[in-house]
Amino acid sequence: MRVDDLMLFALVVRLKSFRAAAEQRGVASSVVSKHISRLEADLGTQLLRRSTRKLSLTEAGELLYRHCQKLEHSVELANEELSAYQSEPSGVLRISAPGVSGQLFLPKVIRRYMALYPDVEIDMVIQDRFDDLIEQGYDLAIRTGDLEDSSLICKRLVTSCWHAFASPSYLQTHGTPTCLSDLADHECLLFSHQQTGDSGWPYLSPEGEAAVSVSGRFRANSLLALCEGALDGIGIAFLPLYMARHERAAGTLVPVLEHQLYRRVGIYALYPQSRYLPPKTRAFIELLTQMFAAESALFHH
């Protein structure tokens, strides 16, 4: 049995006419007749009694029509639900985000998003590795740094500036570096995932961007751990301004070689290409864009 044959059969019964069903479908009456005949052949039984004046159901036809009515109702409900899905965010939104994004600024967006869209659930996975977005079933990923070419849509949200920071107690004990070469005498807290490598911090030379070699006994793949290490006086950490903004304002972390050591990193939203981006994804990207536009100064100054 073909679903289209079943739906056409139900239409014929409801309109009590092959011709009327053909006109509604925009086809010839012979086409409707062919579909009904095929349905009867598939089932091996007569469904309709036809005469020049009257169309009536056989007992098998009555039984099938009741099932067709349920099928039509299911299709109608599916259309209604899909229409609602296309207009209002709903379902589960799966997000992949690195540690800093997932723990520092995304919760604020998620809190606002959940208040606006109560029919959406959030499933966020914190990871710094770049998994295949589509293969892993994510709707959206937040990524920082230089991105590889891919088939994904890549939307820049903000440019994040990084600087070196240390606690006043560390600088009082070990001295404040006044030039890049002084870093060789300091404990530098190393980020395992930074793109310049775990032993180089970027700076701008007359020839362009370069990296100064640094070393230290504490290495971590978590910027939050490095920030805590800097606060505890272990050494100097190279951090996003957004992460260190409160500590800088409070004076518990101070910039080191502020006008020499810095890095600009793009923060991006990545999502699959599609003509029909799900409303749940589109709405989240819109909120992200609004948040970064409102707080962009926190990432730069």
C-alpha atoms as a PDB file:
ATOM      1  CA  MET A   1       0.000   0.000   0.000  1.00  0.00           C
ATOM      2  CA  ARG A   2       1.130   3.496  -0.838  1.00  0.00           C
ATOM      3  CA  VAL A   3       0.302   6.342   1.526  1.00  0.00           C
ATOM      4  CA  ASP A   4      -0.712   8.573  -1.386  1.00  0.00           C
ATOM      5  CA  ASP A   5      -3.208   5.936  -2.556  1.00  0.00           C
ATOM      6  CA  LEU A   6      -4.694   5.767   0.942  1.00  0.00           C
ATOM      7  CA  MET A   7      -5.027   9.547   1.170  1.00  0.00           C
ATOM      8  CA  LEU A   8      -6.627   9.719  -2.265  1.00  0.00           C
ATOM      9  CA  PHE A   9      -9.045   6.922  -1.348  1.00  0.00           C
ATOM     10  CA  ALA A  10     -10.105   8.848   1.766  1.00  0.00           C
ATOM     11  CA  LEU A  11     -10.628  11.984  -0.337  1.00  0.00           C
ATOM     12  CA  VAL A  12     -12.830  10.114  -2.813  1.00  0.00           C
ATOM     13  CA  VAL A  13     -14.942   8.703   0.014  1.00  0.00           C
ATOM     14  CA  ARG A  14     -15.258  12.079   1.750  1.00  0.00           C
ATOM     15  CA  LEU A  15     -16.271  13.882  -1.476  1.00  0.00           C
ATOM     16  CA  LYS A  16     -18.281  10.889  -2.728  1.00  0.00           C
ATOM     17  CA  SER A  17     -16.951  11.474  -6.211  1.00  0.00           C
ATOM     18  CA  PHE A  18     -13.969  10.517  -8.352  1.00  0.00           C
ATOM     19  CA  ARG A  19     -14.403  13.691 -10.381  1.00  0.00           C
ATOM     20  CA  ALA A  20     -14.526  15.970  -7.336  1.00  0.00           C
ATOM     21  CA  ALA A  21     -11.423  14.290  -5.885  1.00  0.00           C
ATOM     22  CA  ALA A  22      -9.643  14.681  -9.237  1.00  0.00           C
ATOM     23  CA  GLU A  23     -10.518  18.378  -9.419  1.00  0.00           C
ATOM     24  CA  GLN A  24      -9.258  18.984  -5.870  1.00  0.00           C
ATOM     25  CA  ARG A  25      -6.018  17.190  -6.660  1.00  0.00           C
ATOM     26  CA  GLY A  26      -5.705  18.882 -10.047  1.00  0.00           C
ATOM     27  CA  VAL A  27      -5.485  15.629 -12.003  1.00  0.00           C
ATOM     28  CA  ALA A  28      -7.670  13.727 -14.462  1.00  0.00           C
ATOM     29  CA  SER A  29     -10.401  11.412 -13.179  1.00  0.00           C
ATOM     30  CA  SER A  30      -8.606   8.528 -14.882  1.00  0.00           C
ATOM     31  CA  VAL A  31      -5.589   9.122 -12.642  1.00  0.00           C
ATOM     32  CA  VAL A  32      -7.739   8.885  -9.526  1.00  0.00           C
ATOM     33  CA  SER A  33      -9.344   5.729 -10.831  1.00  0.00           C
ATOM     34  CA  LYS A  34      -5.919   4.212 -11.498  1.00  0.00           C
ATOM     35  CA  HIS A  35      -4.772   4.903  -7.932  1.00  0.00           C
ATOM     36  CA  ILE A  36      -7.892   3.346  -6.405  1.00  0.00           C
ATOM     37  CA  SER A  37      -7.594   0.310  -8.649  1.00  0.00           C
ATOM     38  CA  ARG A  38      -3.968  -0.099  -7.621  1.00  0.00           C
ATOM     39  CA  LEU A  39      -4.956   0.113  -3.948  1.00  0.00           C
ATOM     40  CA  GLU A  40      -7.624  -2.542  -4.423  1.00  0.00           C
ATOM     41  CA  ALA A  41      -5.113  -4.762  -6.252  1.00  0.00           C
ATOM     42  CA  ASP A  42      -2.581  -4.339  -3.436  1.00  0.00           C
ATOM     43  CA  LEU A  43      -5.197  -5.322  -0.838  1.00  0.00           C
ATOM     44  CA  GLY A  44      -6.787  -8.002  -2.980  1.00  0.00           C
ATOM     45  CA  THR A  45     -10.291  -6.778  -2.268  1.00  0.00           C
ATOM     46  CA  GLN A  46     -12.934  -4.373  -3.613  1.00  0.00           C
ATOM     47  CA  LEU A  47     -13.240  -1.143  -1.667  1.00  0.00           C
ATOM     48  CA  LEU A  48     -15.845   0.834  -3.624  1.00  0.00           C
ATOM     49  CA  ARG A  49     -19.054  -0.009  -5.452  1.00  0.00           C
ATOM     50  CA  ARG A  50     -19.363   2.291  -8.413  1.00  0.00           C
ATOM     51  CA  SER A  51     -22.359   3.131 -10.542  1.00  0.00           C
ATOM     52  CA  THR A  52     -23.262   6.057 -12.787  1.00  0.00           C
ATOM     53  CA  ARG A  53     -25.173   7.722  -9.961  1.00  0.00           C
ATOM     54  CA  LYS A  54     -23.792   6.404  -6.697  1.00  0.00           C
ATOM     55  CA  LEU A  55     -20.518   5.605  -4.975  1.00  0.00           C
ATOM     56  CA  SER A  56     -20.638   3.380  -1.899  1.00  0.00           C
ATOM     57  CA  LEU A  57     -18.196   1.552   0.334  1.00  0.00           C
ATOM     58  CA  THR A  58     -17.856  -2.200   0.662  1.00  0.00           C
ATOM     59  CA  GLU A  59     -17.381  -3.667   4.124  1.00  0.00           C
ATOM     60  CA  ALA A  60     -13.598  -3.756   3.503  1.00  0.00           C
ATOM     61  CA  GLY A  61     -13.793  -0.183   2.247  1.00  0.00           C
ATOM     62  CA  GLU A  62     -15.526   0.984   5.434  1.00  0.00           C
ATOM     63  CA  LEU A  63     -12.855  -0.682   7.561  1.00  0.00           C
ATOM     64  CA  LEU A  64     -10.044   0.881   5.528  1.00  0.00           C
ATOM     65  CA  TYR A  65     -11.685   4.313   5.564  1.00  0.00           C
ATOM     66  CA  ARG A  66     -11.710   4.344   9.376  1.00  0.00           C
ATOM     67  CA  HIS A  67      -7.964   3.713   9.341  1.00  0.00           C
ATOM     68  CA  CYS A  68      -7.497   6.376   6.674  1.00  0.00           C
ATOM     69  CA  GLN A  69      -9.276   8.902   8.870  1.00  0.00           C
ATOM     70  CA  LYS A  70      -6.760   8.157  11.643  1.00  0.00           C
ATOM     71  CA  LEU A  71      -3.946   8.547   9.109  1.00  0.00           C
ATOM     72  CA  GLU A  72      -5.297  11.914   7.956  1.00  0.00           C
ATOM     73  CA  HIS A  73      -5.570  13.043  11.564  1.00  0.00           C
ATOM     74  CA  SER A  74      -1.949  12.010  12.226  1.00  0.00           C
ATOM     75  CA  VAL A  75      -0.757  13.900   9.144  1.00  0.00           C
ATOM     76  CA  GLU A  76      -2.705  16.979  10.228  1.00  0.00           C
ATOM     77  CA  LEU A  77      -1.180  16.844  13.708  1.00  0.00           C
ATOM     78  CA  ALA A  78       2.289  16.410  12.217  1.00  0.00           C
ATOM     79  CA  ASN A  79       1.774  19.480  10.021  1.00  0.00           C
ATOM     80  CA  GLU A  80       0.580  21.516  12.995  1.00  0.00           C
ATOM     81  CA  GLU A  81       3.520  20.435  15.154  1.00  0.00           C
ATOM     82  CA  LEU A  82       6.048  21.081  12.394  1.00  0.00           C
ATOM     83  CA  SER A  83       4.543  24.496  11.736  1.00  0.00           C
ATOM     84  CA  ALA A  84       4.844  25.321  15.426  1.00  0.00           C
ATOM     85  CA  TYR A  85       8.406  23.957  15.417  1.00  0.00           C
ATOM     86  CA  GLN A  86       9.316  26.242  12.553  1.00  0.00           C
ATOM     87  CA  SER A  87       7.839  29.307  14.235  1.00  0.00           C
ATOM     88  CA  GLU A  88       8.715  28.854  17.927  1.00  0.00           C
ATOM     89  CA  PRO A  89      11.954  27.468  19.396  1.00  0.00           C
ATOM     90  CA  SER A  90      11.429  24.003  20.876  1.00  0.00           C
ATOM     91  CA  GLY A  91      13.222  20.716  21.429  1.00  0.00           C
ATOM     92  CA  VAL A  92      16.766  20.135  22.684  1.00  0.00           C
ATOM     93  CA  LEU A  93      19.564  22.562  21.753  1.00  0.00           C
ATOM     94  CA  ARG A  94      22.954  20.806  21.860  1.00  0.00           C
ATOM     95  CA  ILE A  95      25.941  23.147  22.271  1.00  0.00           C
ATOM     96  CA  SER A  96      29.663  22.430  22.230  1.00  0.00           C
ATOM     97  CA  ALA A  97      31.775  25.073  23.977  1.00  0.00           C
ATOM     98  CA  PRO A  98      35.325  25.475  25.329  1.00  0.00           C
ATOM     99  CA  GLY A  99      35.873  25.800  29.061  1.00  0.00           C
ATOM    100  CA  VAL A 100      36.162  29.592  29.244  1.00  0.00           C
ATOM    101  CA  SER A 101      33.078  30.270  27.121  1.00  0.00           C
ATOM    102  CA  GLY A 102      31.011  27.560  28.758  1.00  0.00           C
ATOM    103  CA  GLN A 103      31.760  28.708  32.268  1.00  0.00           C
ATOM    104  CA  LEU A 104      32.145  32.487  32.003  1.00  0.00           C
ATOM    105  CA  PHE A 105      29.736  34.107  29.562  1.00  0.00           C
ATOM    106  CA  LEU A 106      27.459  31.407  28.087  1.00  0.00           C
ATOM    107  CA  PRO A 107      25.511  30.808  31.340  1.00  0.00           C
ATOM    108  CA  LYS A 108      24.253  34.393  31.174  1.00  0.00           C
ATOM    109  CA  VAL A 109      22.968  33.848  27.622  1.00  0.00           C
ATOM    110  CA  ILE A 110      21.495  30.462  28.518  1.00  0.00           C
ATOM    111  CA  ARG A 111      19.625  31.921  31.499  1.00  0.00           C
ATOM    112  CA  ARG A 112      18.062  34.581  29.280  1.00  0.00           C
ATOM    113  CA  TYR A 113      17.330  32.067  26.519  1.00  0.00           C
ATOM    114  CA  MET A 114      15.569  29.616  28.851  1.00  0.00           C
ATOM    115  CA  ALA A 115      13.418  32.410  30.267  1.00  0.00           C
ATOM    116  CA  LEU A 116      12.320  33.425  26.768  1.00  0.00           C
ATOM    117  CA  TYR A 117      11.808  29.926  25.361  1.00  0.00           C
ATOM    118  CA  PRO A 118      10.411  27.499  27.958  1.00  0.00           C
ATOM    119  CA  ASP A 119       9.943  24.717  25.376  1.00  0.00           C
ATOM    120  CA  VAL A 120      13.692  24.357  24.757  1.00  0.00           C
ATOM    121  CA  GLU A 121      16.109  22.220  26.776  1.00  0.00           C
ATOM    122  CA  ILE A 122      19.853  22.963  26.757  1.00  0.00           C
ATOM    123  CA  ASP A 123      22.476  20.226  26.541  1.00  0.00           C
ATOM    124  CA  MET A 124      25.930  21.851  26.671  1.00  0.00           C
ATOM    125  CA  VAL A 125      29.172  19.875  26.464  1.00  0.00           C
ATOM    126  CA  ILE A 126      32.329  21.624  27.706  1.00  0.00           C
ATOM    127  CA  GLN A 127      35.331  20.585  25.622  1.00  0.00           C
ATOM    128  CA  ASP A 128      38.328  22.288  24.040  1.00  0.00           C
ATOM    129  CA  ARG A 129      38.768  19.747  21.260  1.00  0.00           C
ATOM    130  CA  PHE A 130      37.131  20.332  17.885  1.00  0.00           C
ATOM    131  CA  ASP A 131      34.695  17.446  17.342  1.00  0.00           C
ATOM    132  CA  ASP A 132      32.787  17.039  14.098  1.00  0.00           C
ATOM    133  CA  LEU A 133      29.720  19.175  14.739  1.00  0.00           C
ATOM    134  CA  ILE A 134      27.322  17.307  12.465  1.00  0.00           C
ATOM    135  CA  GLU A 135      28.598  13.816  13.232  1.00  0.00           C
ATOM    136  CA  GLN A 136      28.279  14.397  16.987  1.00  0.00           C
ATOM    137  CA  GLY A 137      24.779  15.844  16.647  1.00  0.00           C
ATOM    138  CA  TYR A 138      25.485  19.396  17.861  1.00  0.00           C
ATOM    139  CA  ASP A 139      23.265  22.272  16.777  1.00  0.00           C
ATOM    140  CA  LEU A 140      25.878  24.905  17.574  1.00  0.00           C
ATOM    141  CA  ALA A 141      29.491  25.240  18.661  1.00  0.00           C
ATOM    142  CA  ILE A 142      31.421  28.137  20.190  1.00  0.00           C
ATOM    143  CA  ARG A 143      35.044  28.248  19.107  1.00  0.00           C
ATOM    144  CA  THR A 144      37.992  30.626  19.563  1.00  0.00           C
ATOM    145  CA  GLY A 145      41.119  31.262  17.530  1.00  0.00           C
ATOM    146  CA  ASP A 146      41.929  30.491  13.916  1.00  0.00           C
ATOM    147  CA  LEU A 147      39.423  28.058  12.434  1.00  0.00           C
ATOM    148  CA  GLU A 148      40.007  25.423   9.809  1.00  0.00           C
ATOM    149  CA  ASP A 149      38.066  25.615   6.564  1.00  0.00           C
ATOM    150  CA  SER A 150      34.856  23.620   6.744  1.00  0.00           C
ATOM    151  CA  SER A 151      31.346  23.414   5.381  1.00  0.00           C
ATOM    152  CA  LEU A 152      29.975  25.037   8.552  1.00  0.00           C
ATOM    153  CA  ILE A 153      28.633  28.566   8.811  1.00  0.00           C
ATOM    154  CA  CYS A 154      31.082  30.626  10.864  1.00  0.00           C
ATOM    155  CA  LYS A 155      29.808  33.811  12.535  1.00  0.00           C
ATOM    156  CA  ARG A 156      32.289  36.045  14.346  1.00  0.00           C
ATOM    157  CA  LEU A 157      30.770  37.182  17.634  1.00  0.00           C
ATOM    158  CA  VAL A 158      33.557  39.328  19.088  1.00  0.00           C
ATOM    159  CA  THR A 159      37.317  39.823  19.134  1.00  0.00           C
ATOM    160  CA  SER A 160      38.824  38.911  22.495  1.00  0.00           C
ATOM    161  CA  CYS A 161      42.090  40.479  23.667  1.00  0.00           C
ATOM    162  CA  TRP A 162      44.533  38.613  25.908  1.00  0.00           C
ATOM    163  CA  HIS A 163      47.245  39.996  28.217  1.00  0.00           C
ATOM    164  CA  ALA A 164      49.700  38.692  30.786  1.00  0.00           C
ATOM    165  CA  PHE A 165      48.650  39.017  34.456  1.00  0.00           C
ATOM    166  CA  ALA A 166      50.233  38.389  37.820  1.00  0.00           C
ATOM    167  CA  SER A 167      49.293  38.968  41.438  1.00  0.00           C
ATOM    168  CA  PRO A 168      50.830  41.911  43.360  1.00  0.00           C
ATOM    169  CA  SER A 169      52.320  39.415  45.832  1.00  0.00           C
ATOM    170  CA  TYR A 170      54.141  37.540  43.051  1.00  0.00           C
ATOM    171  CA  LEU A 171      55.537  40.754  41.553  1.00  0.00           C
ATOM    172  CA  GLN A 172      56.609  42.013  44.956  1.00  0.00           C
ATOM    173  CA  THR A 173      58.538  38.798  45.566  1.00  0.00           C
ATOM    174  CA  HIS A 174      59.982  38.202  42.100  1.00  0.00           C
ATOM    175  CA  GLY A 175      60.041  41.673  40.579  1.00  0.00           C
ATOM    176  CA  THR A 176      58.076  43.163  37.689  1.00  0.00           C
ATOM    177  CA  PRO A 177      59.287  42.388  34.146  1.00  0.00           C
ATOM    178  CA  THR A 178      60.133  45.569  32.244  1.00  0.00           C
ATOM    179  CA  CYS A 179      60.974  43.953  28.900  1.00  0.00           C
ATOM    180  CA  LEU A 180      60.210  40.695  27.130  1.00  0.00           C
ATOM    181  CA  SER A 181      63.629  39.197  27.886  1.00  0.00           C
ATOM    182  CA  ASP A 182      62.892  39.498  31.630  1.00  0.00           C
ATOM    183  CA  LEU A 183      60.268  36.731  31.267  1.00  0.00           C
ATOM    184  CA  ALA A 184      63.081  34.171  31.114  1.00  0.00           C
ATOM    185  CA  ASP A 185      63.596  34.738  34.850  1.00  0.00           C
ATOM    186  CA  HIS A 186      59.936  34.249  35.770  1.00  0.00           C
ATOM    187  CA  GLU A 187      57.512  31.402  36.404  1.00  0.00           C
ATOM    188  CA  CYS A 188      55.086  31.526  33.480  1.00  0.00           C
ATOM    189  CA  LEU A 189      51.870  29.516  33.714  1.00  0.00           C
ATOM    190  CA  LEU A 190      51.442  27.604  30.463  1.00  0.00           C
ATOM    191  CA  PHE A 191      48.204  26.880  28.626  1.00  0.00           C
ATOM    192  CA  SER A 192      48.399  23.511  26.893  1.00  0.00           C
ATOM    193  CA  HIS A 193      45.920  24.390  24.142  1.00  0.00           C
ATOM    194  CA  GLN A 194      47.073  27.829  23.051  1.00  0.00           C
ATOM    195  CA  GLN A 195      47.696  27.940  19.327  1.00  0.00           C
ATOM    196  CA  THR A 196      51.163  29.497  19.612  1.00  0.00           C
ATOM    197  CA  GLY A 197      52.267  26.437  21.539  1.00  0.00           C
ATOM    198  CA  ASP A 198      52.625  25.984  25.285  1.00  0.00           C
ATOM    199  CA  SER A 199      55.977  27.785  25.496  1.00  0.00           C
ATOM    200  CA  GLY A 200      55.416  30.957  23.474  1.00  0.00           C
ATOM    201  CA  TRP A 201      53.435  34.124  24.161  1.00  0.00           C
ATOM    202  CA  PRO A 202      52.571  36.458  21.268  1.00  0.00           C
ATOM    203  CA  TYR A 203      53.800  40.018  20.968  1.00  0.00           C
ATOM    204  CA  LEU A 204      53.991  42.600  18.204  1.00  0.00           C
ATOM    205  CA  SER A 205      57.489  43.204  16.846  1.00  0.00           C
ATOM    206  CA  PRO A 206      58.512  45.772  14.192  1.00  0.00           C
ATOM    207  CA  GLU A 207      58.420  42.887  11.705  1.00  0.00           C
ATOM    208  CA  GLY A 208      54.948  41.802  12.762  1.00  0.00           C
ATOM    209  CA  GLU A 209      53.475  39.329  15.243  1.00  0.00           C
ATOM    210  CA  ALA A 210      55.985  37.039  16.925  1.00  0.00           C
ATOM    211  CA  ALA A 211      56.196  34.849  20.028  1.00  0.00           C
ATOM    212  CA  VAL A 212      58.502  35.192  23.007  1.00  0.00           C
ATOM    213  CA  SER A 213      59.716  31.961  24.568  1.00  0.00           C
ATOM    214  CA  VAL A 214      58.515  31.406  28.144  1.00  0.00           C
ATOM    215  CA  SER A 215      58.828  28.552  30.597  1.00  0.00           C
ATOM    216  CA  GLY A 216      57.386  27.446  33.894  1.00  0.00           C
ATOM    217  CA  ARG A 217      56.683  24.441  36.080  1.00  0.00           C
ATOM    218  CA  PHE A 218      52.871  24.682  35.957  1.00  0.00           C
ATOM    219  CA  ARG A 219      51.038  23.720  32.783  1.00  0.00           C
ATOM    220  CA  ALA A 220      47.261  23.163  32.442  1.00  0.00           C
ATOM    221  CA  ASN A 221      44.641  22.787  29.742  1.00  0.00           C
ATOM    222  CA  SER A 222      42.280  25.007  31.744  1.00  0.00           C
ATOM    223  CA  LEU A 223      42.542  28.802  31.666  1.00  0.00           C
ATOM    224  CA  LEU A 224      40.479  28.956  34.842  1.00  0.00           C
ATOM    225  CA  ALA A 225      43.151  26.890  36.607  1.00  0.00           C
ATOM    226  CA  LEU A 226      45.873  29.212  35.311  1.00  0.00           C
ATOM    227  CA  CYS A 227      43.919  32.249  36.486  1.00  0.00           C
ATOM    228  CA  GLU A 228      43.612  30.753  39.962  1.00  0.00           C
ATOM    229  CA  GLY A 229      47.323  29.964  39.882  1.00  0.00           C
ATOM    230  CA  ALA A 230      48.125  33.579  39.073  1.00  0.00           C
ATOM    231  CA  LEU A 231      45.861  34.770  41.891  1.00  0.00           C
ATOM    232  CA  ASP A 232      47.670  32.430  44.293  1.00  0.00           C
ATOM    233  CA  GLY A 233      51.021  33.932  43.298  1.00  0.00           C
ATOM    234  CA  ILE A 234      52.405  30.901  41.445  1.00  0.00           C
ATOM    235  CA  GLY A 235      53.450  32.936  38.424  1.00  0.00           C
ATOM    236  CA  ILE A 236      52.406  35.017  35.413  1.00  0.00           C
ATOM    237  CA  ALA A 237      49.464  33.863  33.305  1.00  0.00           C
ATOM    238  CA  PHE A 238      48.439  34.877  29.795  1.00  0.00           C
ATOM    239  CA  LEU A 239      44.658  35.294  29.959  1.00  0.00           C
ATOM    240  CA  PRO A 240      41.649  36.746  28.136  1.00  0.00           C
ATOM    241  CA  LEU A 241      40.743  40.195  29.435  1.00  0.00           C
ATOM    242  CA  TYR A 242      37.157  39.061  29.932  1.00  0.00           C
ATOM    243  CA  MET A 243      38.294  36.366  32.340  1.00  0.00           C
ATOM    244  CA  ALA A 244      40.492  38.667  34.409  1.00  0.00           C
ATOM    245  CA  ARG A 245      38.250  41.755  34.350  1.00  0.00           C
ATOM    246  CA  HIS A 246      36.947  41.504  37.931  1.00  0.00           C
ATOM    247  CA  GLU A 247      40.361  40.653  39.383  1.00  0.00           C
ATOM    248  CA  ARG A 248      41.960  43.509  37.452  1.00  0.00           C
ATOM    249  CA  ALA A 249      39.343  45.955  38.731  1.00  0.00           C
ATOM    250  CA  ALA A 250      39.880  44.704  42.290  1.00  0.00           C
ATOM    251  CA  GLY A 251      43.671  44.892  41.980  1.00  0.00           C
ATOM    252  CA  THR A 252      44.184  41.194  42.743  1.00  0.00           C
ATOM    253  CA  LEU A 253      45.663  40.735  39.257  1.00  0.00           C
ATOM    254  CA  VAL A 254      47.698  43.383  37.450  1.00  0.00           C
ATOM    255  CA  PRO A 255      48.794  43.433  33.796  1.00  0.00           C
ATOM    256  CA  VAL A 256      52.405  42.650  32.949  1.00  0.00           C
ATOM    257  CA  LEU A 257      54.082  44.186  29.876  1.00  0.00           C
ATOM    258  CA  GLU A 258      50.609  45.366  28.878  1.00  0.00           C
ATOM    259  CA  HIS A 259      51.722  47.294  25.788  1.00  0.00           C
ATOM    260  CA  GLN A 260      53.862  44.502  24.419  1.00  0.00           C
ATOM    261  CA  LEU A 261      52.283  41.150  25.261  1.00  0.00           C
ATOM    262  CA  TYR A 262      48.856  40.800  23.742  1.00  0.00           C
ATOM    263  CA  ARG A 263      46.833  38.649  21.467  1.00  0.00           C
ATOM    264  CA  ARG A 264      43.584  39.183  19.581  1.00  0.00           C
ATOM    265  CA  VAL A 265      41.408  36.098  19.210  1.00  0.00           C
ATOM    266  CA  GLY A 266      38.090  35.769  17.426  1.00  0.00           C
ATOM    267  CA  ILE A 267      35.192  34.086  19.194  1.00  0.00           C
ATOM    268  CA  TYR A 268      32.837  32.377  16.743  1.00  0.00           C
ATOM    269  CA  ALA A 269      29.525  30.590  16.551  1.00  0.00           C
ATOM    270  CA  LEU A 270      29.601  27.601  14.190  1.00  0.00           C
ATOM    271  CA  TYR A 271      26.534  25.798  12.906  1.00  0.00           C
ATOM    272  CA  PRO A 272      25.583  23.573   9.947  1.00  0.00           C
ATOM    273  CA  GLN A 273      24.600  25.119   6.640  1.00  0.00           C
ATOM    274  CA  SER A 274      20.863  24.884   6.027  1.00  0.00           C
ATOM    275  CA  ARG A 275      18.179  26.810   4.194  1.00  0.00           C
ATOM    276  CA  TYR A 276      15.947  26.289   7.213  1.00  0.00           C
ATOM    277  CA  LEU A 277      17.931  26.914  10.372  1.00  0.00           C
ATOM    278  CA  PRO A 278      15.872  25.591  13.311  1.00  0.00           C
ATOM    279  CA  PRO A 279      14.281  28.401  15.347  1.00  0.00           C
ATOM    280  CA  LYS A 280      15.962  27.100  18.528  1.00  0.00           C
ATOM    281  CA  THR A 281      19.404  27.608  16.930  1.00  0.00           C
ATOM    282  CA  ARG A 282      18.565  30.912  15.249  1.00  0.00           C
ATOM    283  CA  ALA A 283      17.178  32.385  18.487  1.00  0.00           C
ATOM    284  CA  PHE A 284      20.268  31.382  20.467  1.00  0.00           C
ATOM    285  CA  ILE A 285      22.610  32.929  17.902  1.00  0.00           C
ATOM    286  CA  GLU A 286      20.589  36.144  18.005  1.00  0.00           C
ATOM    287  CA  LEU A 287      20.903  36.322  21.798  1.00  0.00           C
ATOM    288  CA  LEU A 288      24.628  35.607  21.590  1.00  0.00           C
ATOM    289  CA  THR A 289      25.065  38.407  19.069  1.00  0.00           C
ATOM    290  CA  GLN A 290      23.142  40.843  21.276  1.00  0.00           C
ATOM    291  CA  MET A 291      25.148  39.922  24.374  1.00  0.00           C
ATOM    292  CA  PHE A 292      28.514  40.348  22.674  1.00  0.00           C
ATOM    293  CA  ALA A 293      27.437  43.640  21.109  1.00  0.00           C
ATOM    294  CA  ALA A 294      26.375  44.956  24.523  1.00  0.00           C
ATOM    295  CA  GLU A 295      29.514  43.759  26.338  1.00  0.00           C
ATOM    296  CA  SER A 296      32.167  43.985  23.618  1.00  0.00           C
ATOM    297  CA  ALA A 297      34.123  46.601  25.623  1.00  0.00           C
ATOM    298  CA  LEU A 298      34.767  43.973  28.324  1.00  0.00           C
ATOM    299  CA  PHE A 299      36.685  41.896  25.793  1.00  0.00           C
ATOM    300  CA  HIS A 300      38.881  44.776  24.612  1.00  0.00           C
ATOM    301  CA  HIS A 301      39.693  47.018  27.565  1.00  0.00           C
END
